[in-house]
Amino acid sequence: MRCIIPARGGSTRIPGKNMKVFLGQPIIQYSINHAKAVGLFQEIIVSTDDTDTAAYAARQGCVVHYRGETFAADDVGTQIVAANVITDMGIQPGEVICVLYATSPLLDIDYLRQGMYELHHNPNIKYTYSTGMDGVDAGNFYWGDAESFLKQIPLEGNSEHIAMQPNRVCDINTQADWDFALKMYEDLRNANA
Protein backbone atom coordinates (compact mmCIF):
# COMPACT_ATOMS: atom_id res chain seq x y z
CA MET A 1 0.00 0.00 0.00
CA ARG A 2 1.15 3.49 -0.78
CA CYS A 3 0.02 6.93 0.23
CA ILE A 4 0.01 9.77 -2.28
CA ILE A 5 -0.11 13.32 -0.91
CA PRO A 6 -0.89 15.79 -3.73
CA ALA A 7 0.80 19.10 -2.92
CA ARG A 8 1.02 21.44 -5.87
CA GLY A 9 2.57 24.83 -5.30
CA GLY A 10 0.08 27.01 -7.14
CA SER A 11 -2.82 27.48 -4.73
CA THR A 12 -4.49 30.77 -5.60
CA ARG A 13 -6.96 31.25 -2.73
CA ILE A 14 -4.36 30.55 -0.03
CA PRO A 15 -0.93 31.17 -1.60
CA GLY A 16 1.62 28.53 -0.61
CA LYS A 17 -1.13 26.67 1.25
CA ASN A 18 0.57 23.29 1.63
CA MET A 19 3.69 24.79 3.21
CA LYS A 20 1.89 27.50 5.20
CA VAL A 21 2.57 27.24 8.93
CA PHE A 22 -0.35 25.83 10.90
CA LEU A 23 0.32 26.04 14.66
CA GLY A 24 4.07 25.81 14.38
CA GLN A 25 4.67 23.56 11.38
CA PRO A 26 3.81 23.43 7.68
CA ILE A 27 0.30 22.08 7.32
CA ILE A 28 1.52 19.23 5.09
CA GLN A 29 3.44 17.89 8.11
CA TYR A 30 0.17 16.84 9.75
CA SER A 31 -0.69 14.67 6.75
CA ILE A 32 2.81 13.19 6.66
CA ASN A 33 2.48 12.42 10.39
CA HIS A 34 -0.94 10.78 9.84
CA ALA A 35 0.44 8.63 7.02
CA LYS A 36 3.36 7.50 9.18
CA ALA A 37 1.25 6.93 12.29
CA VAL A 38 -1.34 4.72 10.59
CA GLY A 39 1.41 2.18 9.88
CA LEU A 40 -0.02 0.88 6.60
CA PHE A 41 2.19 2.35 3.88
CA GLN A 42 5.41 1.08 2.37
CA GLU A 43 5.91 4.54 0.85
CA ILE A 44 4.56 8.03 1.37
CA ILE A 45 4.76 9.86 -1.94
CA VAL A 46 4.44 13.63 -2.15
CA SER A 47 3.49 14.74 -5.67
CA THR A 48 4.44 18.35 -6.25
CA ASP A 49 5.68 20.91 -8.75
CA ASP A 50 7.14 23.07 -5.97
CA THR A 51 10.85 22.81 -5.09
CA ASP A 52 10.37 23.96 -1.47
CA THR A 53 7.65 21.37 -0.88
CA ALA A 54 9.78 18.69 -2.54
CA ALA A 55 12.81 19.48 -0.40
CA TYR A 56 10.71 19.53 2.77
CA ALA A 57 9.00 16.22 1.93
CA ALA A 58 12.33 14.55 1.23
CA ARG A 59 13.66 15.71 4.60
CA GLN A 60 10.63 14.05 6.21
CA GLY A 61 11.48 10.73 4.57
CA CYS A 62 8.87 10.90 1.82
CA VAL A 63 9.40 9.88 -1.78
CA VAL A 64 9.10 12.94 -4.01
CA HIS A 65 7.24 12.76 -7.32
CA TYR A 66 7.83 15.82 -9.48
CA ARG A 67 4.75 16.44 -11.53
CA GLY A 68 4.95 18.21 -14.85
CA GLU A 69 3.22 21.48 -15.65
CA THR A 70 0.31 19.61 -17.26
CA PHE A 71 -0.49 17.95 -13.94
CA ALA A 72 -0.10 21.13 -11.85
CA ALA A 73 -2.90 23.15 -13.44
CA ASP A 74 -5.91 24.37 -11.43
CA ASP A 75 -8.34 22.14 -13.30
CA VAL A 76 -6.44 18.86 -12.86
CA GLY A 77 -8.12 16.71 -10.20
CA THR A 78 -6.34 14.54 -7.68
CA GLN A 79 -7.50 11.31 -9.35
CA ILE A 80 -5.60 12.32 -12.48
CA VAL A 81 -2.60 13.30 -10.36
CA ALA A 82 -2.72 9.90 -8.63
CA ALA A 83 -2.91 8.11 -11.99
CA ASN A 84 0.15 10.08 -13.13
CA VAL A 85 2.07 9.03 -10.00
CA ILE A 86 1.01 5.40 -10.46
CA THR A 87 2.18 5.43 -14.10
CA ASP A 88 5.45 7.29 -13.49
CA MET A 89 6.43 5.12 -10.52
CA GLY A 90 5.43 1.79 -12.07
CA ILE A 91 2.89 0.97 -9.37
CA GLN A 92 1.05 -2.18 -10.37
CA PRO A 93 -2.73 -2.52 -10.89
CA GLY A 94 -4.12 -4.25 -7.85
CA GLU A 95 -2.06 -2.25 -5.39
CA VAL A 96 -4.13 -0.22 -2.95
CA ILE A 97 -3.55 3.53 -2.94
CA CYS A 98 -4.59 6.19 -0.45
CA VAL A 99 -4.77 9.78 -1.64
CA LEU A 100 -4.34 11.94 1.46
CA TYR A 101 -4.82 15.68 1.13
CA ALA A 102 -1.99 17.90 2.34
CA THR A 103 -4.39 20.04 4.38
CA SER A 104 -5.85 17.49 6.82
CA PRO A 105 -4.70 18.51 10.31
CA LEU A 106 -7.99 17.50 11.96
CA LEU A 107 -7.98 13.93 10.65
CA ASP A 108 -8.15 11.04 13.09
CA ILE A 109 -6.17 8.10 11.65
CA ASP A 110 -8.88 5.65 12.70
CA TYR A 111 -10.89 7.03 9.75
CA LEU A 112 -7.98 6.19 7.45
CA ARG A 113 -7.97 2.63 8.77
CA GLN A 114 -11.73 2.41 8.33
CA GLY A 115 -11.43 3.55 4.71
CA MET A 116 -8.92 0.81 3.95
CA TYR A 117 -10.97 -1.82 5.79
CA GLU A 118 -14.19 -0.97 3.94
CA LEU A 119 -12.44 -1.03 0.57
CA HIS A 120 -11.03 -4.50 1.29
CA HIS A 121 -14.32 -5.91 2.56
CA ASN A 122 -16.77 -4.58 -0.01
CA PRO A 123 -16.19 -6.07 -3.49
CA ASN A 124 -18.91 -3.86 -5.01
CA ILE A 125 -17.07 -0.57 -4.56
CA LYS A 126 -14.00 0.94 -6.20
CA TYR A 127 -13.22 3.64 -3.62
CA THR A 128 -13.89 4.82 -0.10
CA TYR A 129 -13.66 8.48 0.84
CA SER A 130 -14.04 10.82 3.77
CA THR A 131 -17.25 12.78 4.23
CA GLY A 132 -19.02 14.68 6.93
CA MET A 133 -22.04 13.11 8.61
CA ASP A 134 -24.12 14.77 5.87
CA GLY A 135 -22.34 12.79 3.14
CA VAL A 136 -20.56 15.84 1.73
CA ASP A 137 -16.92 15.29 0.74
CA ALA A 138 -14.70 16.25 3.68
CA GLY A 139 -11.59 16.83 1.56
CA ASN A 140 -9.32 14.55 3.63
CA PHE A 141 -8.65 11.26 1.86
CA TYR A 142 -9.82 8.50 -0.40
CA TRP A 143 -8.74 4.92 -1.05
CA GLY A 144 -8.83 2.94 -4.27
CA ASP A 145 -7.15 0.25 -6.30
CA ALA A 146 -4.42 1.54 -8.66
CA GLU A 147 -6.39 0.13 -11.60
CA SER A 148 -9.43 2.26 -10.72
CA PHE A 149 -7.26 5.38 -10.90
CA LEU A 150 -5.67 4.30 -14.19
CA LYS A 151 -9.09 3.62 -15.73
CA GLN A 152 -10.34 6.97 -14.38
CA ILE A 153 -13.37 5.36 -12.76
CA PRO A 154 -15.24 8.25 -11.11
CA LEU A 155 -15.61 8.46 -7.35
CA GLU A 156 -19.32 9.25 -7.45
CA GLY A 157 -21.46 6.16 -7.77
CA ASN A 158 -18.54 3.81 -7.11
CA SER A 159 -17.69 4.64 -3.51
CA GLU A 160 -18.56 4.10 0.09
CA HIS A 161 -18.49 7.10 2.41
CA ILE A 162 -16.42 7.16 5.58
CA ALA A 163 -18.49 9.56 7.67
CA MET A 164 -16.45 11.64 10.10
CA GLN A 165 -17.60 13.52 13.18
CA PRO A 166 -18.25 17.25 12.64
CA ASN A 167 -15.31 18.31 14.82
CA ARG A 168 -12.99 16.53 12.36
CA VAL A 169 -14.32 18.08 9.15
CA CYS A 170 -13.04 21.31 7.61
CA ASP A 171 -12.16 21.32 3.91
CA ILE A 172 -9.53 24.07 3.77
CA ASN A 173 -9.93 26.10 0.58
CA THR A 174 -10.10 29.73 1.76
CA GLN A 175 -8.56 31.87 4.49
CA ALA A 176 -11.85 31.67 6.39
CA ASP A 177 -11.63 27.84 6.25
CA TRP A 178 -8.05 28.05 7.49
CA ASP A 179 -9.02 30.24 10.43
CA PHE A 180 -11.91 27.94 11.30
CA ALA A 181 -9.64 24.87 11.14
CA LEU A 182 -7.21 26.56 13.54
CA LYS A 183 -10.04 27.09 16.02
CA MET A 184 -11.26 23.50 15.59
CA TYR A 185 -7.77 22.13 16.13
CA GLU A 186 -7.32 24.18 19.29
CA ASP A 187 -10.71 22.97 20.54
CA LEU A 188 -9.68 19.33 19.92
CA ARG A 189 -6.35 19.87 21.66
CA ASN A 190 -8.05 21.48 24.67
CA ALA A 191 -10.63 18.70 24.87
CA ASN A 192 -7.84 16.09 24.96
CA ALA A 193 -5.65 17.99 27.44
C-alpha atoms as a PDB file:
ATOM      1  CA  MET A   1       0.000   0.000   0.000  1.00  0.00           C
ATOM      2  CA  ARG A   2       1.149   3.494  -0.783  1.00  0.00           C
ATOM      3  CA  CYS A   3       0.017   6.932   0.232  1.00  0.00           C
ATOM      4  CA  ILE A   4       0.009   9.771  -2.284  1.00  0.00           C
ATOM      5  CA  ILE A   5      -0.113  13.317  -0.910  1.00  0.00           C
ATOM      6  CA  PRO A   6      -0.888  15.786  -3.726  1.00  0.00           C
ATOM      7  CA  ALA A   7       0.802  19.105  -2.918  1.00  0.00           C
ATOM      8  CA  ARG A   8       1.023  21.440  -5.874  1.00  0.00           C
ATOM      9  CA  GLY A   9       2.570  24.832  -5.303  1.00  0.00           C
ATOM     10  CA  GLY A  10       0.077  27.007  -7.144  1.00  0.00           C
ATOM     11  CA  SER A  11      -2.821  27.475  -4.728  1.00  0.00           C
ATOM     12  CA  THR A  12      -4.489  30.771  -5.601  1.00  0.00           C
ATOM     13  CA  ARG A  13      -6.958  31.255  -2.730  1.00  0.00           C
ATOM     14  CA  ILE A  14      -4.357  30.553  -0.032  1.00  0.00           C
ATOM     15  CA  PRO A  15      -0.930  31.172  -1.597  1.00  0.00           C
ATOM     16  CA  GLY A  16       1.619  28.528  -0.606  1.00  0.00           C
ATOM     17  CA  LYS A  17      -1.133  26.673   1.247  1.00  0.00           C
ATOM     18  CA  ASN A  18       0.570  23.289   1.631  1.00  0.00           C
ATOM     19  CA  MET A  19       3.685  24.794   3.213  1.00  0.00           C
ATOM     20  CA  LYS A  20       1.889  27.500   5.196  1.00  0.00           C
ATOM     21  CA  VAL A  21       2.572  27.239   8.925  1.00  0.00           C
ATOM     22  CA  PHE A  22      -0.351  25.832  10.904  1.00  0.00           C
ATOM     23  CA  LEU A  23       0.318  26.036  14.658  1.00  0.00           C
ATOM     24  CA  GLY A  24       4.070  25.813  14.381  1.00  0.00           C
ATOM     25  CA  GLN A  25       4.670  23.560  11.385  1.00  0.00           C
ATOM     26  CA  PRO A  26       3.812  23.431   7.676  1.00  0.00           C
ATOM     27  CA  ILE A  27       0.299  22.075   7.316  1.00  0.00           C
ATOM     28  CA  ILE A  28       1.518  19.230   5.093  1.00  0.00           C
ATOM     29  CA  GLN A  29       3.438  17.893   8.109  1.00  0.00           C
ATOM     30  CA  TYR A  30       0.171  16.839   9.749  1.00  0.00           C
ATOM     31  CA  SER A  31      -0.690  14.666   6.753  1.00  0.00           C
ATOM     32  CA  ILE A  32       2.807  13.189   6.661  1.00  0.00           C
ATOM     33  CA  ASN A  33       2.478  12.421  10.389  1.00  0.00           C
ATOM     34  CA  HIS A  34      -0.940  10.779   9.844  1.00  0.00           C
ATOM     35  CA  ALA A  35       0.441   8.626   7.019  1.00  0.00           C
ATOM     36  CA  LYS A  36       3.363   7.498   9.179  1.00  0.00           C
ATOM     37  CA  ALA A  37       1.246   6.927  12.290  1.00  0.00           C
ATOM     38  CA  VAL A  38      -1.340   4.721  10.593  1.00  0.00           C
ATOM     39  CA  GLY A  39       1.415   2.176   9.876  1.00  0.00           C
ATOM     40  CA  LEU A  40      -0.019   0.877   6.597  1.00  0.00           C
ATOM     41  CA  PHE A  41       2.190   2.348   3.881  1.00  0.00           C
ATOM     42  CA  GLN A  42       5.415   1.081   2.374  1.00  0.00           C
ATOM     43  CA  GLU A  43       5.910   4.541   0.845  1.00  0.00           C
ATOM     44  CA  ILE A  44       4.561   8.028   1.370  1.00  0.00           C
ATOM     45  CA  ILE A  45       4.755   9.859  -1.944  1.00  0.00           C
ATOM     46  CA  VAL A  46       4.435  13.634  -2.146  1.00  0.00           C
ATOM     47  CA  SER A  47       3.493  14.742  -5.666  1.00  0.00           C
ATOM     48  CA  THR A  48       4.444  18.352  -6.254  1.00  0.00           C
ATOM     49  CA  ASP A  49       5.682  20.906  -8.752  1.00  0.00           C
ATOM     50  CA  ASP A  50       7.144  23.068  -5.973  1.00  0.00           C
ATOM     51  CA  THR A  51      10.846  22.813  -5.085  1.00  0.00           C
ATOM     52  CA  ASP A  52      10.368  23.965  -1.466  1.00  0.00           C
ATOM     53  CA  THR A  53       7.646  21.365  -0.879  1.00  0.00           C
ATOM     54  CA  ALA A  54       9.783  18.689  -2.544  1.00  0.00           C
ATOM     55  CA  ALA A  55      12.815  19.483  -0.396  1.00  0.00           C
ATOM     56  CA  TYR A  56      10.709  19.531   2.772  1.00  0.00           C
ATOM     57  CA  ALA A  57       8.999  16.220   1.929  1.00  0.00           C
ATOM     58  CA  ALA A  58      12.335  14.554   1.226  1.00  0.00           C
ATOM     59  CA  ARG A  59      13.663  15.713   4.602  1.00  0.00           C
ATOM     60  CA  GLN A  60      10.627  14.047   6.210  1.00  0.00           C
ATOM     61  CA  GLY A  61      11.478  10.730   4.567  1.00  0.00           C
ATOM     62  CA  CYS A  62       8.869  10.901   1.820  1.00  0.00           C
ATOM     63  CA  VAL A  63       9.401   9.877  -1.784  1.00  0.00           C
ATOM     64  CA  VAL A  64       9.099  12.941  -4.015  1.00  0.00           C
ATOM     65  CA  HIS A  65       7.242  12.762  -7.315  1.00  0.00           C
ATOM     66  CA  TYR A  66       7.831  15.818  -9.477  1.00  0.00           C
ATOM     67  CA  ARG A  67       4.750  16.438 -11.532  1.00  0.00           C
ATOM     68  CA  GLY A  68       4.954  18.213 -14.848  1.00  0.00           C
ATOM     69  CA  GLU A  69       3.217  21.475 -15.649  1.00  0.00           C
ATOM     70  CA  THR A  70       0.314  19.609 -17.262  1.00  0.00           C
ATOM     71  CA  PHE A  71      -0.493  17.953 -13.935  1.00  0.00           C
ATOM     72  CA  ALA A  72      -0.103  21.127 -11.853  1.00  0.00           C
ATOM     73  CA  ALA A  73      -2.903  23.153 -13.441  1.00  0.00           C
ATOM     74  CA  ASP A  74      -5.911  24.374 -11.426  1.00  0.00           C
ATOM     75  CA  ASP A  75      -8.340  22.139 -13.301  1.00  0.00           C
ATOM     76  CA  VAL A  76      -6.443  18.862 -12.856  1.00  0.00           C
ATOM     77  CA  GLY A  77      -8.119  16.713 -10.202  1.00  0.00           C
ATOM     78  CA  THR A  78      -6.340  14.541  -7.682  1.00  0.00           C
ATOM     79  CA  GLN A  79      -7.499  11.309  -9.346  1.00  0.00           C
ATOM     80  CA  ILE A  80      -5.602  12.321 -12.477  1.00  0.00           C
ATOM     81  CA  VAL A  81      -2.603  13.301 -10.361  1.00  0.00           C
ATOM     82  CA  ALA A  82      -2.724   9.904  -8.632  1.00  0.00           C
ATOM     83  CA  ALA A  83      -2.911   8.109 -11.993  1.00  0.00           C
ATOM     84  CA  ASN A  84       0.149  10.084 -13.135  1.00  0.00           C
ATOM     85  CA  VAL A  85       2.072   9.026 -10.005  1.00  0.00           C
ATOM     86  CA  ILE A  86       1.007   5.397 -10.464  1.00  0.00           C
ATOM     87  CA  THR A  87       2.184   5.425 -14.095  1.00  0.00           C
ATOM     88  CA  ASP A  88       5.447   7.289 -13.489  1.00  0.00           C
ATOM     89  CA  MET A  89       6.429   5.119 -10.521  1.00  0.00           C
ATOM     90  CA  GLY A  90       5.432   1.792 -12.067  1.00  0.00           C
ATOM     91  CA  ILE A  91       2.885   0.967  -9.371  1.00  0.00           C
ATOM     92  CA  GLN A  92       1.051  -2.178 -10.366  1.00  0.00           C
ATOM     93  CA  PRO A  93      -2.727  -2.516 -10.894  1.00  0.00           C
ATOM     94  CA  GLY A  94      -4.123  -4.253  -7.845  1.00  0.00           C
ATOM     95  CA  GLU A  95      -2.061  -2.251  -5.388  1.00  0.00           C
ATOM     96  CA  VAL A  96      -4.129  -0.224  -2.950  1.00  0.00           C
ATOM     97  CA  ILE A  97      -3.553   3.531  -2.941  1.00  0.00           C
ATOM     98  CA  CYS A  98      -4.593   6.190  -0.449  1.00  0.00           C
ATOM     99  CA  VAL A  99      -4.772   9.783  -1.642  1.00  0.00           C
ATOM    100  CA  LEU A 100      -4.339  11.938   1.460  1.00  0.00           C
ATOM    101  CA  TYR A 101      -4.823  15.677   1.131  1.00  0.00           C
ATOM    102  CA  ALA A 102      -1.993  17.903   2.336  1.00  0.00           C
ATOM    103  CA  THR A 103      -4.394  20.040   4.378  1.00  0.00           C
ATOM    104  CA  SER A 104      -5.853  17.495   6.818  1.00  0.00           C
ATOM    105  CA  PRO A 105      -4.700  18.508  10.312  1.00  0.00           C
ATOM    106  CA  LEU A 106      -7.994  17.499  11.958  1.00  0.00           C
ATOM    107  CA  LEU A 107      -7.979  13.931  10.649  1.00  0.00           C
ATOM    108  CA  ASP A 108      -8.152  11.035  13.094  1.00  0.00           C
ATOM    109  CA  ILE A 109      -6.172   8.103  11.649  1.00  0.00           C
ATOM    110  CA  ASP A 110      -8.879   5.653  12.700  1.00  0.00           C
ATOM    111  CA  TYR A 111     -10.888   7.028   9.752  1.00  0.00           C
ATOM    112  CA  LEU A 112      -7.975   6.190   7.449  1.00  0.00           C
ATOM    113  CA  ARG A 113      -7.967   2.627   8.775  1.00  0.00           C
ATOM    114  CA  GLN A 114     -11.734   2.407   8.335  1.00  0.00           C
ATOM    115  CA  GLY A 115     -11.434   3.552   4.714  1.00  0.00           C
ATOM    116  CA  MET A 116      -8.923   0.809   3.952  1.00  0.00           C
ATOM    117  CA  TYR A 117     -10.975  -1.819   5.793  1.00  0.00           C
ATOM    118  CA  GLU A 118     -14.194  -0.967   3.945  1.00  0.00           C
ATOM    119  CA  LEU A 119     -12.443  -1.026   0.573  1.00  0.00           C
ATOM    120  CA  HIS A 120     -11.032  -4.497   1.286  1.00  0.00           C
ATOM    121  CA  HIS A 121     -14.323  -5.908   2.556  1.00  0.00           C
ATOM    122  CA  ASN A 122     -16.767  -4.584  -0.013  1.00  0.00           C
ATOM    123  CA  PRO A 123     -16.194  -6.066  -3.494  1.00  0.00           C
ATOM    124  CA  ASN A 124     -18.912  -3.858  -5.006  1.00  0.00           C
ATOM    125  CA  ILE A 125     -17.065  -0.572  -4.559  1.00  0.00           C
ATOM    126  CA  LYS A 126     -14.001   0.939  -6.202  1.00  0.00           C
ATOM    127  CA  TYR A 127     -13.221   3.636  -3.623  1.00  0.00           C
ATOM    128  CA  THR A 128     -13.888   4.820  -0.098  1.00  0.00           C
ATOM    129  CA  TYR A 129     -13.660   8.477   0.836  1.00  0.00           C
ATOM    130  CA  SER A 130     -14.037  10.823   3.767  1.00  0.00           C
ATOM    131  CA  THR A 131     -17.250  12.779   4.227  1.00  0.00           C
ATOM    132  CA  GLY A 132     -19.021  14.680   6.934  1.00  0.00           C
ATOM    133  CA  MET A 133     -22.039  13.109   8.609  1.00  0.00           C
ATOM    134  CA  ASP A 134     -24.121  14.766   5.874  1.00  0.00           C
ATOM    135  CA  GLY A 135     -22.345  12.794   3.137  1.00  0.00           C
ATOM    136  CA  VAL A 136     -20.559  15.839   1.725  1.00  0.00           C
ATOM    137  CA  ASP A 137     -16.922  15.288   0.743  1.00  0.00           C
ATOM    138  CA  ALA A 138     -14.698  16.250   3.677  1.00  0.00           C
ATOM    139  CA  GLY A 139     -11.595  16.829   1.563  1.00  0.00           C
ATOM    140  CA  ASN A 140      -9.324  14.554   3.633  1.00  0.00           C
ATOM    141  CA  PHE A 141      -8.650  11.256   1.860  1.00  0.00           C
ATOM    142  CA  TYR A 142      -9.822   8.498  -0.405  1.00  0.00           C
ATOM    143  CA  TRP A 143      -8.739   4.918  -1.053  1.00  0.00           C
ATOM    144  CA  GLY A 144      -8.831   2.939  -4.272  1.00  0.00           C
ATOM    145  CA  ASP A 145      -7.145   0.247  -6.298  1.00  0.00           C
ATOM    146  CA  ALA A 146      -4.422   1.536  -8.655  1.00  0.00           C
ATOM    147  CA  GLU A 147      -6.385   0.130 -11.596  1.00  0.00           C
ATOM    148  CA  SER A 148      -9.432   2.260 -10.719  1.00  0.00           C
ATOM    149  CA  PHE A 149      -7.264   5.380 -10.902  1.00  0.00           C
ATOM    150  CA  LEU A 150      -5.675   4.304 -14.187  1.00  0.00           C
ATOM    151  CA  LYS A 151      -9.090   3.619 -15.730  1.00  0.00           C
ATOM    152  CA  GLN A 152     -10.337   6.973 -14.383  1.00  0.00           C
ATOM    153  CA  ILE A 153     -13.373   5.355 -12.762  1.00  0.00           C
ATOM    154  CA  PRO A 154     -15.240   8.250 -11.109  1.00  0.00           C
ATOM    155  CA  LEU A 155     -15.615   8.456  -7.346  1.00  0.00           C
ATOM    156  CA  GLU A 156     -19.317   9.248  -7.454  1.00  0.00           C
ATOM    157  CA  GLY A 157     -21.464   6.158  -7.774  1.00  0.00           C
ATOM    158  CA  ASN A 158     -18.545   3.809  -7.113  1.00  0.00           C
ATOM    159  CA  SER A 159     -17.690   4.638  -3.511  1.00  0.00           C
ATOM    160  CA  GLU A 160     -18.562   4.100   0.085  1.00  0.00           C
ATOM    161  CA  HIS A 161     -18.487   7.102   2.410  1.00  0.00           C
ATOM    162  CA  ILE A 162     -16.417   7.162   5.580  1.00  0.00           C
ATOM    163  CA  ALA A 163     -18.493   9.564   7.675  1.00  0.00           C
ATOM    164  CA  MET A 164     -16.454  11.639  10.102  1.00  0.00           C
ATOM    165  CA  GLN A 165     -17.595  13.521  13.179  1.00  0.00           C
ATOM    166  CA  PRO A 166     -18.251  17.249  12.640  1.00  0.00           C
ATOM    167  CA  ASN A 167     -15.306  18.315  14.819  1.00  0.00           C
ATOM    168  CA  ARG A 168     -12.985  16.527  12.357  1.00  0.00           C
ATOM    169  CA  VAL A 169     -14.322  18.077   9.146  1.00  0.00           C
ATOM    170  CA  CYS A 170     -13.036  21.308   7.613  1.00  0.00           C
ATOM    171  CA  ASP A 171     -12.163  21.323   3.910  1.00  0.00           C
ATOM    172  CA  ILE A 172      -9.528  24.074   3.772  1.00  0.00           C
ATOM    173  CA  ASN A 173      -9.926  26.102   0.580  1.00  0.00           C
ATOM    174  CA  THR A 174     -10.097  29.727   1.759  1.00  0.00           C
ATOM    175  CA  GLN A 175      -8.559  31.866   4.495  1.00  0.00           C
ATOM    176  CA  ALA A 176     -11.854  31.665   6.387  1.00  0.00           C
ATOM    177  CA  ASP A 177     -11.627  27.842   6.254  1.00  0.00           C
ATOM    178  CA  TRP A 178      -8.048  28.054   7.491  1.00  0.00           C
ATOM    179  CA  ASP A 179      -9.015  30.239  10.428  1.00  0.00           C
ATOM    180  CA  PHE A 180     -11.914  27.939  11.297  1.00  0.00           C
ATOM    181  CA  ALA A 181      -9.641  24.868  11.136  1.00  0.00           C
ATOM    182  CA  LEU A 182      -7.213  26.563  13.536  1.00  0.00           C
ATOM    183  CA  LYS A 183     -10.044  27.087  16.024  1.00  0.00           C
ATOM    184  CA  MET A 184     -11.262  23.502  15.590  1.00  0.00           C
ATOM    185  CA  TYR A 185      -7.768  22.128  16.130  1.00  0.00           C
ATOM    186  CA  GLU A 186      -7.316  24.183  19.286  1.00  0.00           C
ATOM    187  CA  ASP A 187     -10.712  22.970  20.542  1.00  0.00           C
ATOM    188  CA  LEU A 188      -9.685  19.328  19.923  1.00  0.00           C
ATOM    189  CA  ARG A 189      -6.354  19.872  21.661  1.00  0.00           C
ATOM    190  CA  ASN A 190      -8.051  21.479  24.670  1.00  0.00           C
ATOM    191  CA  ALA A 191     -10.631  18.697  24.869  1.00  0.00           C
ATOM    192  CA  ASN A 192      -7.836  16.090  24.958  1.00  0.00           C
ATOM    193  CA  ALA A 193      -5.645  17.989  27.444  1.00  0.00           C
END
